[in-house]
Amino acid sequence: MKRFALSLLIASVAGIGTAAAEDICNVPQAEWQPKEALQQKLVSEGWTIKAIKIDEGCYEVYGKDAAGQRMETYFDPKSFAVMKQD
């Protein structure tokens, strides 16, 4: 019985972690701005864009910022707010 309870606890914690980690951005697809609009915004701010992908419900941008630093940044697809930066 203790093993079952422990297994259930581990499974539920693992499930919570997985669900929480799935999407950083939680915006319905119908509300997304086009990725070209994000690219234009960033280029106008001095960024050099290598690629824009969709990951974790966000636009994930690979490139260099205006200072020339390599960036991997997640943007909210509706507001273009920075959600995560590596």
PDB file of N, CA and C in Angstrom:
ATOM      1  N   MET A   1       0.825  -1.195   0.000  1.00  0.00           N
ATOM      2  CA  MET A   1       0.000   0.000   0.000  1.00  0.00           C
ATOM      3  C   MET A   1       0.865   1.252   0.000  1.00  0.00           C
ATOM      4  N   LYS A   2       1.955   1.229   0.789  1.00  0.00           N
ATOM      5  CA  LYS A   2       2.840   2.397   0.836  1.00  0.00           C
ATOM      6  C   LYS A   2       3.502   2.624  -0.521  1.00  0.00           C
ATOM      7  N   ARG A   3       3.890   1.534  -1.185  1.00  0.00           N
ATOM      8  CA  ARG A   3       4.514   1.674  -2.507  1.00  0.00           C
ATOM      9  C   ARG A   3       3.533   2.287  -3.504  1.00  0.00           C
ATOM     10  N   PHE A   4       2.286   1.856  -3.451  1.00  0.00           N
ATOM     11  CA  PHE A   4       1.276   2.393  -4.353  1.00  0.00           C
ATOM     12  C   PHE A   4       1.089   3.892  -4.110  1.00  0.00           C
ATOM     13  N   ALA A   5       0.997   4.273  -2.838  1.00  0.00           N
ATOM     14  CA  ALA A   5       0.822   5.689  -2.499  1.00  0.00           C
ATOM     15  C   ALA A   5       2.015   6.508  -2.960  1.00  0.00           C
ATOM     16  N   LEU A   6       3.213   5.972  -2.764  1.00  0.00           N
ATOM     17  CA  LEU A   6       4.419   6.671  -3.188  1.00  0.00           C
ATOM     18  C   LEU A   6       4.456   6.795  -4.708  1.00  0.00           C
ATOM     19  N   SER A   7       4.102   5.733  -5.409  1.00  0.00           N
ATOM     20  CA  SER A   7       4.072   5.764  -6.874  1.00  0.00           C
ATOM     21  C   SER A   7       3.058   6.783  -7.373  1.00  0.00           C
ATOM     22  N   LEU A   8       1.908   6.829  -6.734  1.00  0.00           N
ATOM     23  CA  LEU A   8       0.873   7.781  -7.112  1.00  0.00           C
ATOM     24  C   LEU A   8       1.337   9.214  -6.880  1.00  0.00           C
ATOM     25  N   LEU A   9       2.006   9.436  -5.760  1.00  0.00           N
ATOM     26  CA  LEU A   9       2.525  10.762  -5.451  1.00  0.00           C
ATOM     27  C   LEU A   9       3.566  11.189  -6.483  1.00  0.00           C
ATOM     28  N   ILE A  10       4.494  10.312  -6.800  1.00  0.00           N
ATOM     29  CA  ILE A  10       5.537  10.622  -7.788  1.00  0.00           C
ATOM     30  C   ILE A  10       4.914  10.899  -9.149  1.00  0.00           C
ATOM     31  N   ALA A  11       3.952  10.092  -9.543  1.00  0.00           N
ATOM     32  CA  ALA A  11       3.302  10.282 -10.838  1.00  0.00           C
ATOM     33  C   ALA A  11       2.554  11.609 -10.887  1.00  0.00           C
ATOM     34  N   SER A  12       1.886  11.975  -9.796  1.00  0.00           N
ATOM     35  CA  SER A  12       1.132  13.227  -9.815  1.00  0.00           C
ATOM     36  C   SER A  12       2.055  14.427  -9.836  1.00  0.00           C
ATOM     37  N   VAL A  13       3.168  14.368  -9.104  1.00  0.00           N
ATOM     38  CA  VAL A  13       4.132  15.468  -9.120  1.00  0.00           C
ATOM     39  C   VAL A  13       4.764  15.583 -10.498  1.00  0.00           C
ATOM     40  N   ALA A  14       5.127  14.466 -11.094  1.00  0.00           N
ATOM     41  CA  ALA A  14       5.714  14.476 -12.441  1.00  0.00           C
ATOM     42  C   ALA A  14       4.711  15.044 -13.441  1.00  0.00           C
ATOM     43  N   GLY A  15       3.450  14.694 -13.310  1.00  0.00           N
ATOM     44  CA  GLY A  15       2.420  15.209 -14.207  1.00  0.00           C
ATOM     45  C   GLY A  15       2.226  16.698 -14.064  1.00  0.00           C
ATOM     46  N   ILE A  16       2.276  17.190 -12.839  1.00  0.00           N
ATOM     47  CA  ILE A  16       2.133  18.627 -12.605  1.00  0.00           C
ATOM     48  C   ILE A  16       3.298  19.366 -13.229  1.00  0.00           C
ATOM     49  N   GLY A  17       4.502  18.876 -13.041  1.00  0.00           N
ATOM     50  CA  GLY A  17       5.687  19.507 -13.620  1.00  0.00           C
ATOM     51  C   GLY A  17       5.623  19.537 -15.129  1.00  0.00           C
ATOM     52  N   THR A  18       5.163  18.462 -15.719  1.00  0.00           N
ATOM     53  CA  THR A  18       5.066  18.392 -17.169  1.00  0.00           C
ATOM     54  C   THR A  18       4.007  19.353 -17.690  1.00  0.00           C
ATOM     55  N   ALA A  19       2.853  19.390 -17.036  1.00  0.00           N
ATOM     56  CA  ALA A  19       1.785  20.278 -17.496  1.00  0.00           C
ATOM     57  C   ALA A  19       2.202  21.732 -17.367  1.00  0.00           C
ATOM     58  N   ALA A  20       2.887  22.071 -16.284  1.00  0.00           N
ATOM     59  CA  ALA A  20       3.300  23.454 -16.077  1.00  0.00           C
ATOM     60  C   ALA A  20       4.388  23.865 -17.058  1.00  0.00           C
ATOM     61  N   ALA A  21       5.186  22.918 -17.511  1.00  0.00           N
ATOM     62  CA  ALA A  21       6.307  23.231 -18.394  1.00  0.00           C
ATOM     63  C   ALA A  21       5.923  23.217 -19.868  1.00  0.00           C
ATOM     64  N   GLU A  22       4.722  22.770 -20.204  1.00  0.00           N
ATOM     65  CA  GLU A  22       4.342  22.633 -21.603  1.00  0.00           C
ATOM     66  C   GLU A  22       4.332  23.958 -22.350  1.00  0.00           C
ATOM     67  N   ASP A  23       3.606  24.934 -21.842  1.00  0.00           N
ATOM     68  CA  ASP A  23       3.473  26.195 -22.554  1.00  0.00           C
ATOM     69  C   ASP A  23       3.795  27.364 -21.640  1.00  0.00           C
ATOM     70  N   ILE A  24       4.745  28.170 -22.063  1.00  0.00           N
ATOM     71  CA  ILE A  24       5.039  29.413 -21.355  1.00  0.00           C
ATOM     72  C   ILE A  24       3.972  30.427 -21.730  1.00  0.00           C
ATOM     73  N   CYS A  25       3.623  30.452 -23.002  1.00  0.00           N
ATOM     74  CA  CYS A  25       2.606  31.369 -23.514  1.00  0.00           C
ATOM     75  C   CYS A  25       1.326  30.569 -23.707  1.00  0.00           C
ATOM     76  N   ASN A  26       0.233  31.109 -23.235  1.00  0.00           N
ATOM     77  CA  ASN A  26      -1.038  30.410 -23.347  1.00  0.00           C
ATOM     78  C   ASN A  26      -2.044  31.327 -24.039  1.00  0.00           C
ATOM     79  N   VAL A  27      -1.845  31.513 -25.334  1.00  0.00           N
ATOM     80  CA  VAL A  27      -2.666  32.429 -26.119  1.00  0.00           C
ATOM     81  C   VAL A  27      -3.353  31.629 -27.229  1.00  0.00           C
ATOM     82  N   PRO A  28      -4.665  31.775 -27.378  1.00  0.00           N
ATOM     83  CA  PRO A  28      -5.341  31.086 -28.485  1.00  0.00           C
ATOM     84  C   PRO A  28      -4.742  31.499 -29.838  1.00  0.00           C
ATOM     85  N   GLN A  29      -4.573  30.553 -30.716  1.00  0.00           N
ATOM     86  CA  GLN A  29      -3.952  30.780 -32.026  1.00  0.00           C
ATOM     87  C   GLN A  29      -4.619  31.926 -32.787  1.00  0.00           C
ATOM     88  N   ALA A  30      -5.916  32.091 -32.627  1.00  0.00           N
ATOM     89  CA  ALA A  30      -6.641  33.151 -33.343  1.00  0.00           C
ATOM     90  C   ALA A  30      -6.195  34.550 -32.915  1.00  0.00           C
ATOM     91  N   GLU A  31      -5.569  34.667 -31.751  1.00  0.00           N
ATOM     92  CA  GLU A  31      -5.141  35.972 -31.236  1.00  0.00           C
ATOM     93  C   GLU A  31      -3.670  36.286 -31.532  1.00  0.00           C
ATOM     94  N   TRP A  32      -2.975  35.363 -32.172  1.00  0.00           N
ATOM     95  CA  TRP A  32      -1.549  35.561 -32.463  1.00  0.00           C
ATOM     96  C   TRP A  32      -1.365  36.626 -33.540  1.00  0.00           C
ATOM     97  N   GLN A  33      -0.343  37.436 -33.375  1.00  0.00           N
ATOM     98  CA  GLN A  33       0.094  38.330 -34.446  1.00  0.00           C
ATOM     99  C   GLN A  33       1.011  37.519 -35.369  1.00  0.00           C
ATOM    100  N   PRO A  34       1.138  37.908 -36.619  1.00  0.00           N
ATOM    101  CA  PRO A  34       2.028  37.175 -37.528  1.00  0.00           C
ATOM    102  C   PRO A  34       3.486  37.286 -37.079  1.00  0.00           C
ATOM    103  N   LYS A  35       4.244  36.205 -37.294  1.00  0.00           N
ATOM    104  CA  LYS A  35       5.650  36.242 -36.884  1.00  0.00           C
ATOM    105  C   LYS A  35       6.438  37.282 -37.680  1.00  0.00           C
ATOM    106  N   GLU A  36       5.965  37.605 -38.884  1.00  0.00           N
ATOM    107  CA  GLU A  36       6.628  38.646 -39.681  1.00  0.00           C
ATOM    108  C   GLU A  36       6.552  40.009 -38.968  1.00  0.00           C
ATOM    109  N   ALA A  37       5.458  40.237 -38.244  1.00  0.00           N
ATOM    110  CA  ALA A  37       5.326  41.486 -37.483  1.00  0.00           C
ATOM    111  C   ALA A  37       6.345  41.534 -36.344  1.00  0.00           C
ATOM    112  N   LEU A  38       6.574  40.389 -35.705  1.00  0.00           N
ATOM    113  CA  LEU A  38       7.595  40.327 -34.651  1.00  0.00           C
ATOM    114  C   LEU A  38       8.976  40.558 -35.257  1.00  0.00           C
ATOM    115  N   GLN A  39       9.236  39.936 -36.390  1.00  0.00           N
ATOM    116  CA  GLN A  39      10.528  40.103 -37.047  1.00  0.00           C
ATOM    117  C   GLN A  39      10.757  41.573 -37.404  1.00  0.00           C
ATOM    118  N   GLN A  40       9.757  42.230 -37.977  1.00  0.00           N
ATOM    119  CA  GLN A  40       9.889  43.649 -38.333  1.00  0.00           C
ATOM    120  C   GLN A  40      10.163  44.499 -37.092  1.00  0.00           C
ATOM    121  N   LYS A  41       9.462  44.209 -36.005  1.00  0.00           N
ATOM    122  CA  LYS A  41       9.645  44.954 -34.758  1.00  0.00           C
ATOM    123  C   LYS A  41      11.087  44.821 -34.264  1.00  0.00           C
ATOM    124  N   LEU A  42      11.579  43.580 -34.239  1.00  0.00           N
ATOM    125  CA  LEU A  42      12.928  43.337 -33.719  1.00  0.00           C
ATOM    126  C   LEU A  42      14.001  43.931 -34.624  1.00  0.00           C
ATOM    127  N   VAL A  43      13.832  43.797 -35.917  1.00  0.00           N
ATOM    128  CA  VAL A  43      14.795  44.373 -36.865  1.00  0.00           C
ATOM    129  C   VAL A  43      14.844  45.892 -36.697  1.00  0.00           C
ATOM    130  N   SER A  44      13.681  46.514 -36.498  1.00  0.00           N
ATOM    131  CA  SER A  44      13.658  47.959 -36.294  1.00  0.00           C
ATOM    132  C   SER A  44      14.353  48.368 -34.990  1.00  0.00           C
ATOM    133  N   GLU A  45      14.475  47.421 -34.058  1.00  0.00           N
ATOM    134  CA  GLU A  45      15.175  47.670 -32.792  1.00  0.00           C
ATOM    135  C   GLU A  45      16.658  47.296 -32.882  1.00  0.00           C
ATOM    136  N   GLY A  46      17.099  46.886 -34.080  1.00  0.00           N
ATOM    137  CA  GLY A  46      18.508  46.587 -34.275  1.00  0.00           C
ATOM    138  C   GLY A  46      18.895  45.124 -34.183  1.00  0.00           C
ATOM    139  N   TRP A  47      17.929  44.247 -34.056  1.00  0.00           N
ATOM    140  CA  TRP A  47      18.215  42.814 -33.996  1.00  0.00           C
ATOM    141  C   TRP A  47      18.570  42.283 -35.383  1.00  0.00           C
ATOM    142  N   THR A  48      19.361  41.205 -35.389  1.00  0.00           N
ATOM    143  CA  THR A  48      19.601  40.400 -36.577  1.00  0.00           C
ATOM    144  C   THR A  48      18.956  39.052 -36.295  1.00  0.00           C
ATOM    145  N   ILE A  49      17.982  38.666 -37.093  1.00  0.00           N
ATOM    146  CA  ILE A  49      17.212  37.450 -36.848  1.00  0.00           C
ATOM    147  C   ILE A  49      17.767  36.295 -37.665  1.00  0.00           C
ATOM    148  N   LYS A  50      18.055  35.205 -36.971  1.00  0.00           N
ATOM    149  CA  LYS A  50      18.503  33.981 -37.643  1.00  0.00           C
ATOM    150  C   LYS A  50      17.303  33.078 -37.940  1.00  0.00           C
ATOM    151  N   ALA A  51      16.412  32.926 -36.942  1.00  0.00           N
ATOM    152  CA  ALA A  51      15.227  32.075 -37.125  1.00  0.00           C
ATOM    153  C   ALA A  51      14.166  32.446 -36.100  1.00  0.00           C
ATOM    154  N   ILE A  52      12.916  32.230 -36.497  1.00  0.00           N
ATOM    155  CA  ILE A  52      11.787  32.355 -35.577  1.00  0.00           C
ATOM    156  C   ILE A  52      11.011  31.047 -35.666  1.00  0.00           C
ATOM    157  N   LYS A  53      10.865  30.402 -34.522  1.00  0.00           N
ATOM    158  CA  LYS A  53      10.142  29.134 -34.444  1.00  0.00           C
ATOM    159  C   LYS A  53       9.020  29.271 -33.429  1.00  0.00           C
ATOM    160  N   ILE A  54       8.167  28.263 -33.375  1.00  0.00           N
ATOM    161  CA  ILE A  54       7.132  28.201 -32.352  1.00  0.00           C
ATOM    162  C   ILE A  54       7.531  27.110 -31.374  1.00  0.00           C
ATOM    163  N   ASP A  55       7.615  27.471 -30.095  1.00  0.00           N
ATOM    164  CA  ASP A  55       7.968  26.518 -29.047  1.00  0.00           C
ATOM    165  C   ASP A  55       7.299  26.941 -27.748  1.00  0.00           C
ATOM    166  N   GLU A  56       6.755  25.989 -27.040  1.00  0.00           N
ATOM    167  CA  GLU A  56       6.111  26.218 -25.749  1.00  0.00           C
ATOM    168  C   GLU A  56       4.993  27.266 -25.844  1.00  0.00           C
ATOM    169  N   GLY A  57       4.329  27.317 -27.006  1.00  0.00           N
ATOM    170  CA  GLY A  57       3.235  28.245 -27.212  1.00  0.00           C
ATOM    171  C   GLY A  57       3.675  29.666 -27.503  1.00  0.00           C
ATOM    172  N   CYS A  58       4.976  29.872 -27.676  1.00  0.00           N
ATOM    173  CA  CYS A  58       5.532  31.208 -27.910  1.00  0.00           C
ATOM    174  C   CYS A  58       6.262  31.248 -29.254  1.00  0.00           C
ATOM    175  N   TYR A  59       6.585  32.470 -29.670  1.00  0.00           N
ATOM    176  CA  TYR A  59       7.550  32.622 -30.748  1.00  0.00           C
ATOM    177  C   TYR A  59       8.928  32.563 -30.108  1.00  0.00           C
ATOM    178  N   GLU A  60       9.759  31.670 -30.593  1.00  0.00           N
ATOM    179  CA  GLU A  60      11.130  31.534 -30.105  1.00  0.00           C
ATOM    180  C   GLU A  60      12.044  32.138 -31.167  1.00  0.00           C
ATOM    181  N   VAL A  61      12.789  33.169 -30.788  1.00  0.00           N
ATOM    182  CA  VAL A  61      13.626  33.897 -31.735  1.00  0.00           C
ATOM    183  C   VAL A  61      15.092  33.614 -31.445  1.00  0.00           C
ATOM    184  N   TYR A  62      15.814  33.235 -32.491  1.00  0.00           N
ATOM    185  CA  TYR A  62      17.265  33.065 -32.430  1.00  0.00           C
ATOM    186  C   TYR A  62      17.883  34.197 -33.233  1.00  0.00           C
ATOM    187  N   GLY A  63      18.829  34.873 -32.652  1.00  0.00           N
ATOM    188  CA  GLY A  63      19.483  35.953 -33.370  1.00  0.00           C
ATOM    189  C   GLY A  63      20.405  36.734 -32.470  1.00  0.00           C
ATOM    190  N   LYS A  64      20.702  37.957 -32.880  1.00  0.00           N
ATOM    191  CA  LYS A  64      21.557  38.854 -32.102  1.00  0.00           C
ATOM    192  C   LYS A  64      20.791  40.138 -31.847  1.00  0.00           C
ATOM    193  N   ASP A  65      20.914  40.635 -30.607  1.00  0.00           N
ATOM    194  CA  ASP A  65      20.241  41.891 -30.278  1.00  0.00           C
ATOM    195  C   ASP A  65      21.045  43.074 -30.811  1.00  0.00           C
ATOM    196  N   ALA A  66      20.590  44.285 -30.522  1.00  0.00           N
ATOM    197  CA  ALA A  66      21.232  45.494 -31.045  1.00  0.00           C
ATOM    198  C   ALA A  66      22.677  45.630 -30.578  1.00  0.00           C
ATOM    199  N   ALA A  67      23.022  45.029 -29.435  1.00  0.00           N
ATOM    200  CA  ALA A  67      24.387  45.081 -28.908  1.00  0.00           C
ATOM    201  C   ALA A  67      25.269  43.978 -29.502  1.00  0.00           C
ATOM    202  N   GLY A  68      24.675  43.127 -30.354  1.00  0.00           N
ATOM    203  CA  GLY A  68      25.439  42.052 -30.981  1.00  0.00           C
ATOM    204  C   GLY A  68      25.523  40.779 -30.150  1.00  0.00           C
ATOM    205  N   GLN A  69      24.763  40.723 -29.056  1.00  0.00           N
ATOM    206  CA  GLN A  69      24.768  39.525 -28.216  1.00  0.00           C
ATOM    207  C   GLN A  69      23.837  38.473 -28.795  1.00  0.00           C
ATOM    208  N   ARG A  70      24.294  37.221 -28.795  1.00  0.00           N
ATOM    209  CA  ARG A  70      23.432  36.128 -29.230  1.00  0.00           C
ATOM    210  C   ARG A  70      22.263  36.001 -28.274  1.00  0.00           C
ATOM    211  N   MET A  71      21.098  35.804 -28.841  1.00  0.00           N
ATOM    212  CA  MET A  71      19.894  35.715 -28.029  1.00  0.00           C
ATOM    213  C   MET A  71      19.044  34.528 -28.464  1.00  0.00           C
ATOM    214  N   GLU A  72      18.442  33.891 -27.481  1.00  0.00           N
ATOM    215  CA  GLU A  72      17.381  32.911 -27.690  1.00  0.00           C
ATOM    216  C   GLU A  72      16.260  33.395 -26.775  1.00  0.00           C
ATOM    217  N   THR A  73      15.233  33.982 -27.359  1.00  0.00           N
ATOM    218  CA  THR A  73      14.211  34.671 -26.588  1.00  0.00           C
ATOM    219  C   THR A  73      12.833  34.180 -26.980  1.00  0.00           C
ATOM    220  N   TYR A  74      11.989  33.987 -25.984  1.00  0.00           N
ATOM    221  CA  TYR A  74      10.606  33.577 -26.190  1.00  0.00           C
ATOM    222  C   TYR A  74       9.713  34.808 -26.045  1.00  0.00           C
ATOM    223  N   PHE A  75       8.868  35.034 -27.048  1.00  0.00           N
ATOM    224  CA  PHE A  75       7.967  36.174 -27.060  1.00  0.00           C
ATOM    225  C   PHE A  75       6.523  35.698 -27.038  1.00  0.00           C
ATOM    226  N   ASP A  76       5.682  36.402 -26.278  1.00  0.00           N
ATOM    227  CA  ASP A  76       4.250  36.159 -26.295  1.00  0.00           C
ATOM    228  C   ASP A  76       3.750  36.474 -27.704  1.00  0.00           C
ATOM    229  N   PRO A  77       3.017  35.558 -28.336  1.00  0.00           N
ATOM    230  CA  PRO A  77       2.613  35.776 -29.727  1.00  0.00           C
ATOM    231  C   PRO A  77       1.522  36.832 -29.911  1.00  0.00           C
ATOM    232  N   LYS A  78       0.889  37.256 -28.837  1.00  0.00           N
ATOM    233  CA  LYS A  78      -0.152  38.281 -28.933  1.00  0.00           C
ATOM    234  C   LYS A  78       0.423  39.674 -28.674  1.00  0.00           C
ATOM    235  N   SER A  79       1.226  39.800 -27.607  1.00  0.00           N
ATOM    236  CA  SER A  79       1.716  41.116 -27.197  1.00  0.00           C
ATOM    237  C   SER A  79       3.180  41.369 -27.559  1.00  0.00           C
ATOM    238  N   PHE A  80       3.899  40.316 -27.933  1.00  0.00           N
ATOM    239  CA  PHE A  80       5.339  40.352 -28.193  1.00  0.00           C
ATOM    240  C   PHE A  80       6.150  40.679 -26.938  1.00  0.00           C
ATOM    241  N   ALA A  81       5.547  40.479 -25.780  1.00  0.00           N
ATOM    242  CA  ALA A  81       6.290  40.657 -24.520  1.00  0.00           C
ATOM    243  C   ALA A  81       7.294  39.523 -24.382  1.00  0.00           C
ATOM    244  N   VAL A  82       8.464  39.818 -23.817  1.00  0.00           N
ATOM    245  CA  VAL A  82       9.485  38.799 -23.574  1.00  0.00           C
ATOM    246  C   VAL A  82       8.997  37.909 -22.432  1.00  0.00           C
ATOM    247  N   MET A  83       8.967  36.605 -22.696  1.00  0.00           N
ATOM    248  CA  MET A  83       8.498  35.655 -21.691  1.00  0.00           C
ATOM    249  C   MET A  83       9.653  34.879 -21.052  1.00  0.00           C
ATOM    250  N   LYS A  84      10.724  34.691 -21.821  1.00  0.00           N
ATOM    251  CA  LYS A  84      11.863  33.920 -21.328  1.00  0.00           C
ATOM    252  C   LYS A  84      13.053  34.243 -22.218  1.00  0.00           C
ATOM    253  N   GLN A  85      14.226  34.301 -21.619  1.00  0.00           N
ATOM    254  CA  GLN A  85      15.431  34.600 -22.393  1.00  0.00           C
ATOM    255  C   GLN A  85      16.557  33.688 -21.935  1.00  0.00           C
ATOM    256  N   ASP A  86      17.256  33.087 -22.900  1.00  0.00           N
ATOM    257  CA  ASP A  86      18.407  32.222 -22.592  1.00  0.00           C
ATOM    258  C   ASP A  86      19.674  32.826 -23.121  1.00  0.00           C
TER     259      ASP A  86
END
